[in-house]
Each structure stands twice: as C-alpha cells, then as structure tokens.
C-alpha atoms as a PDB file:
ATOM      1  CA  PRO A   1      -4.088  10.317 -22.771  1.00  0.00           C
ATOM      2  CA  CYS A   2      -6.085   7.790 -20.336  1.00  0.00           C
ATOM      3  CA  SER A   3      -2.663   6.742 -18.948  1.00  0.00           C
ATOM      4  CA  VAL A   4      -1.610  10.317 -17.988  1.00  0.00           C
ATOM      5  CA  ALA A   5      -5.094  11.211 -16.525  1.00  0.00           C
ATOM      6  CA  ALA A   6      -4.598   7.687 -14.487  1.00  0.00           C
ATOM      7  CA  LEU A   7      -1.113   8.748 -13.250  1.00  0.00           C
ATOM      8  CA  ILE A   8      -2.528  11.690 -12.108  1.00  0.00           C
ATOM      9  CA  SER A   9      -5.444  10.592 -10.152  1.00  0.00           C
ATOM     10  CA  LEU A  10      -3.154   7.736  -8.839  1.00  0.00           C
ATOM     11  CA  SER A  11      -0.365  10.322  -7.495  1.00  0.00           C
ATOM     12  CA  PHE A  12      -3.378  12.526  -5.958  1.00  0.00           C
ATOM     13  CA  GLY A  13      -4.692   8.980  -3.996  1.00  0.00           C
ATOM     14  CA  GLY A  14      -0.881   8.516  -3.055  1.00  0.00           C
ATOM     15  CA  ALA A  15      -1.123  12.223  -1.785  1.00  0.00           C
ATOM     16  CA  VAL A  16      -4.110  12.045   0.154  1.00  0.00           C
ATOM     17  CA  GLY A  17      -2.899   8.840   1.953  1.00  0.00           C
ATOM     18  CA  LEU A  18       0.019  10.380   2.834  1.00  0.00           C
ATOM     19  CA  MET A  19      -1.976  13.467   4.164  1.00  0.00           C
ATOM     20  CA  PHE A  20      -4.110  11.305   6.584  1.00  0.00           C
ATOM     21  CA  LEU A  21      -0.755   9.762   7.894  1.00  0.00           C
ATOM     22  CA  MET A  22       1.116  12.577   8.601  1.00  0.00           C
ATOM     23  CA  LEU A  23      -2.148  14.174  10.279  1.00  0.00           C
ATOM     24  CA  GLY A  24      -2.183  11.128  12.503  1.00  0.00           C
ATOM     25  CA  CYS A  25       1.342  12.110  13.649  1.00  0.00           C
ATOM     26  CA  ALA A  26       1.974  15.841  13.626  1.00  0.00           C
ATOM     27  CA  LEU A  27      -1.405  17.377  14.787  1.00  0.00           C
ATOM     28  CA  PRO A  28      -0.696  19.007  17.936  1.00  0.00           C
ATOM     29  CA  GLN A  29      -3.110  16.921  20.351  1.00  0.00           C
ATOM     30  CA  TYR A  30      -1.397  14.113  18.684  1.00  0.00           C
ATOM     31  CA  ASN A  31       1.692  14.824  18.359  1.00  0.00           C
ATOM     32  CA  GLN A  32       3.689  10.948  18.130  1.00  0.00           C
ATOM     33  CA  TYR A  33       5.466   9.889  15.377  1.00  0.00           C
ATOM     34  CA  TRP A  34       5.426   6.124  16.027  1.00  0.00           C
ATOM     35  CA  PRO A  35       2.906   5.370  13.267  1.00  0.00           C
ATOM     36  CA  LEU A  36       5.355   6.793  10.546  1.00  0.00           C
ATOM     37  CA  PHE A  37       6.599   3.062  10.852  1.00  0.00           C
ATOM     38  CA  VAL A  38       3.869   1.932   8.464  1.00  0.00           C
ATOM     39  CA  LEU A  39       6.103   3.407   5.900  1.00  0.00           C
ATOM     40  CA  PHE A  40       7.810   0.355   5.689  1.00  0.00           C
ATOM     41  CA  PHE A  41       4.704  -2.077   4.882  1.00  0.00           C
ATOM     42  CA  TYR A  42       4.303   0.511   2.065  1.00  0.00           C
ATOM     43  CA  VAL A  43       7.359   0.286  -0.017  1.00  0.00           C
ATOM     44  CA  LEU A  44       7.062  -3.799   0.914  1.00  0.00           C
ATOM     45  CA  SER A  45       3.972  -4.271   0.071  1.00  0.00           C
ATOM     46  CA  PRO A  46       4.413  -4.362  -3.773  1.00  0.00           C
ATOM     47  CA  ILE A  47       7.600  -6.489  -3.259  1.00  0.00           C
ATOM     48  CA  PRO A  48       6.383 -10.520  -3.487  1.00  0.00           C
ATOM     49  CA  TYR A  49       3.981  -9.453  -6.398  1.00  0.00           C
ATOM     50  CA  CYS A  50       6.717  -8.079  -8.608  1.00  0.00           C
ATOM     51  CA  ILE A  51       8.890 -10.925  -8.004  1.00  0.00           C
ATOM     52  CA  ALA A  52       6.444 -13.523  -8.988  1.00  0.00           C
ATOM     53  CA  ARG A  53       5.136 -11.824 -11.692  1.00  0.00           C
ATOM     54  CA  ARG A  54       8.793 -11.571 -13.248  1.00  0.00           C
ATOM     55  CA  LEU A  55       9.179 -15.541 -12.233  1.00  0.00           C
ATOM     56  CA  VAL A  56       6.136 -16.451 -13.221  1.00  0.00           C
ATOM     57  CA  ASP A  57       4.650 -16.869 -16.950  1.00  0.00           C
ATOM     58  CA  ASP A  58       1.063 -15.795 -16.965  1.00  0.00           C
ATOM     59  CA  THR A  59      -0.011 -18.093 -19.909  1.00  0.00           C
ATOM     60  CA  ASP A  60      -0.472 -20.653 -17.624  1.00  0.00           C
ATOM     61  CA  ALA A  61      -4.464 -20.631 -16.751  1.00  0.00           C
ATOM     62  CA  THR A  62      -4.192 -22.802 -13.907  1.00  0.00           C
ATOM     63  CA  SER A  63      -3.348 -21.508 -10.315  1.00  0.00           C
ATOM     64  CA  ASN A  64       0.355 -21.018  -9.837  1.00  0.00           C
ATOM     65  CA  ALA A  65       2.141 -21.649  -6.541  1.00  0.00           C
ATOM     66  CA  CYS A  66       4.366 -18.943  -6.707  1.00  0.00           C
ATOM     67  CA  LYS A  67       1.747 -16.016  -7.078  1.00  0.00           C
ATOM     68  CA  GLU A  68      -0.115 -17.620  -4.599  1.00  0.00           C
ATOM     69  CA  LEU A  69       2.862 -17.638  -1.899  1.00  0.00           C
ATOM     70  CA  ALA A  70       3.519 -13.698  -3.340  1.00  0.00           C
ATOM     71  CA  ILE A  71      -0.536 -12.818  -2.753  1.00  0.00           C
ATOM     72  CA  PHE A  72      -0.490 -14.538   0.719  1.00  0.00           C
ATOM     73  CA  LEU A  73       2.740 -12.627   1.629  1.00  0.00           C
ATOM     74  CA  THR A  74       1.085  -9.239   0.673  1.00  0.00           C
ATOM     75  CA  THR A  75      -1.843  -9.898   2.342  1.00  0.00           C
ATOM     76  CA  GLY A  76       0.371 -10.293   5.394  1.00  0.00           C
ATOM     77  CA  ILE A  77       2.402  -7.126   4.988  1.00  0.00           C
ATOM     78  CA  VAL A  78      -1.066  -5.277   4.198  1.00  0.00           C
ATOM     79  CA  VAL A  79      -2.781  -6.874   7.573  1.00  0.00           C
ATOM     80  CA  SER A  80       0.149  -6.186   9.388  1.00  0.00           C
ATOM     81  CA  ALA A  81       0.325  -2.136   7.985  1.00  0.00           C
ATOM     82  CA  PHE A  82      -3.475  -2.223   9.329  1.00  0.00           C
ATOM     83  CA  GLY A  83      -2.393  -3.953  12.749  1.00  0.00           C
ATOM     84  CA  LEU A  84       0.538  -1.594  13.762  1.00  0.00           C
ATOM     85  CA  PRO A  85      -1.295   1.328  14.799  1.00  0.00           C
ATOM     86  CA  ILE A  86      -4.194  -0.487  16.186  1.00  0.00           C
ATOM     87  CA  VAL A  87      -1.410  -1.894  18.527  1.00  0.00           C
ATOM     88  CA  PHE A  88       0.051   1.382  19.265  1.00  0.00           C
ATOM     89  CA  ALA A  89      -3.246   2.401  20.344  1.00  0.00           C
ATOM     90  CA  ARG A  90      -3.618  -0.249  22.554  1.00  0.00           C
ATOM     91  CA  ALA A  91      -0.725   0.095  23.858  1.00  0.00           C
ATOM     92  CA  GLU A  92      -1.370   3.740  24.652  1.00  0.00           C
ATOM     93  CA  LEU A  93       1.889   5.137  22.103  1.00  0.00           C
ATOM     94  CA  ILE A  94      -0.758   7.079  20.169  1.00  0.00           C
ATOM     95  CA  TYR A  95      -4.249   8.054  20.730  1.00  0.00           C
ATOM     96  CA  TRP A  96      -7.198   6.454  18.914  1.00  0.00           C
ATOM     97  CA  GLY A  97      -7.800   9.497  16.759  1.00  0.00           C
ATOM     98  CA  ALA A  98      -4.289   9.069  15.374  1.00  0.00           C
ATOM     99  CA  CYS A  99      -5.119   5.397  14.999  1.00  0.00           C
ATOM    100  CA  ALA A 100      -8.205   6.450  12.769  1.00  0.00           C
ATOM    101  CA  LEU A 101      -6.207   8.795  10.954  1.00  0.00           C
ATOM    102  CA  VAL A 102      -3.780   6.323   9.944  1.00  0.00           C
ATOM    103  CA  LEU A 103      -5.873   3.555   9.160  1.00  0.00           C
ATOM    104  CA  THR A 104      -7.774   6.085   6.986  1.00  0.00           C
ATOM    105  CA  GLY A 105      -4.340   6.645   5.136  1.00  0.00           C
ATOM    106  CA  ASN A 106      -3.640   3.089   5.171  1.00  0.00           C
ATOM    107  CA  THR A 107      -6.774   2.702   3.184  1.00  0.00           C
ATOM    108  CA  VAL A 108      -6.158   5.190   0.848  1.00  0.00           C
ATOM    109  CA  ILE A 109      -2.367   4.355   0.022  1.00  0.00           C
ATOM    110  CA  PHE A 110      -2.953   0.506  -0.550  1.00  0.00           C
ATOM    111  CA  ALA A 111      -5.924   1.622  -2.646  1.00  0.00           C
ATOM    112  CA  THR A 112      -3.737   3.320  -4.439  1.00  0.00           C
ATOM    113  CA  ILE A 113      -0.794   0.730  -4.620  1.00  0.00           C
ATOM    114  CA  LEU A 114      -3.511  -1.823  -5.924  1.00  0.00           C
ATOM    115  CA  GLY A 115      -5.239   0.871  -8.533  1.00  0.00           C
ATOM    116  CA  PHE A 116      -1.431   1.209  -9.852  1.00  0.00           C
ATOM    117  CA  PHE A 117      -1.103  -2.559 -10.406  1.00  0.00           C
ATOM    118  CA  LEU A 118      -4.558  -2.619 -11.901  1.00  0.00           C
ATOM    119  CA  VAL A 119      -3.648   0.418 -14.592  1.00  0.00           C
ATOM    120  CA  PHE A 120      -0.516  -0.478 -15.218  1.00  0.00           C
ATOM    121  CA  GLY A 121      -0.025  -3.976 -14.627  1.00  0.00           C
ATOM    122  CA  SER A 122      -0.865  -5.527 -18.154  1.00  0.00           C
ATOM    123  CA  ASN A 123       2.365  -5.991 -20.674  1.00  0.00           C
ATOM    124  CA  ASP A 124       1.412  -3.380 -23.140  1.00  0.00           C
ATOM    125  CA  ASP A 125       3.669  -0.619 -24.380  1.00  0.00           C
ATOM    126  CA  PHE A 126       3.182   1.699 -21.167  1.00  0.00           C
ATOM    127  CA  SER A 127       3.755  -1.011 -18.464  1.00  0.00           C
ATOM    128  CA  TRP A 128       5.093  -0.515 -15.072  1.00  0.00           C
ATOM    129  CA  GLN A 129       7.820  -3.289 -16.028  1.00  0.00           C
ATOM    130  CA  GLN A 130       9.307  -1.268 -17.880  1.00  0.00           C
ATOM    131  CA  TRP A 131      10.192   1.141 -14.609  1.00  0.00           C
END
C-alpha cells in the first residue's frame, strides 16, 4: 500500500543520488574516483541517531542530551560529506564539475536518508527498528 510506494520512491531517490556520485567520478573528462570516499559518510550518517533511538525513551517530552548529541554528530557527518568534495576540488584532485555532481548526489542521498527515517521511523507495525 502506502509504505510500498514510499519504499519504491526512496529506492529511486537513492539510485538517482548514487548516479550523480558515479557521474562525478566516471565521466571521461573527470575520471577521478576520489569522491567515492563520501560513501563512508552515507554509511556513518544514520548510526548516531539509530544508537540514540535505541537508548532513549521517546515518551519524555523534554529535550534529551543523548538525542541532541546524536543530532550534533549526524550534522557533523553530513557537513563533512559536503565539505570533502569541496576540499578535493580546491586541492585540484577533482574538477569543479565533478564536485558539483557529487554535491548534487549528496543532497539527494541525504534527503533520501531523511525521508527513510520520516517514513519508517515511527514505532508502528512496519518500522525500521524491525530490520
């Protein structure tokens, strides 16, 4: 039903984001694979929030230091993923066109990760916590 359509659209978003990343690496005029290091940031970005979600009870309405630390760490990971291609372009390891493609891919991938947690983050029958 609705969750199947959400899952299909999220997988399409992930594929489009990875396509931009690969275009920034593999196009003949760029031909440098340094931007693939942002894949580590894609893997690392949900980990602090997942750990905090397991440790924290959401019934508390006040702010929680553990959740705020997880959001801070996630923000640092996301900013680093956007900064790395810019540093590579400034150091002339990659071209600025490749940097723009990687930054576009970052935007799509992180929007997809955020969308995943918004769609499947609630504690219902079809939650990401089951996986």
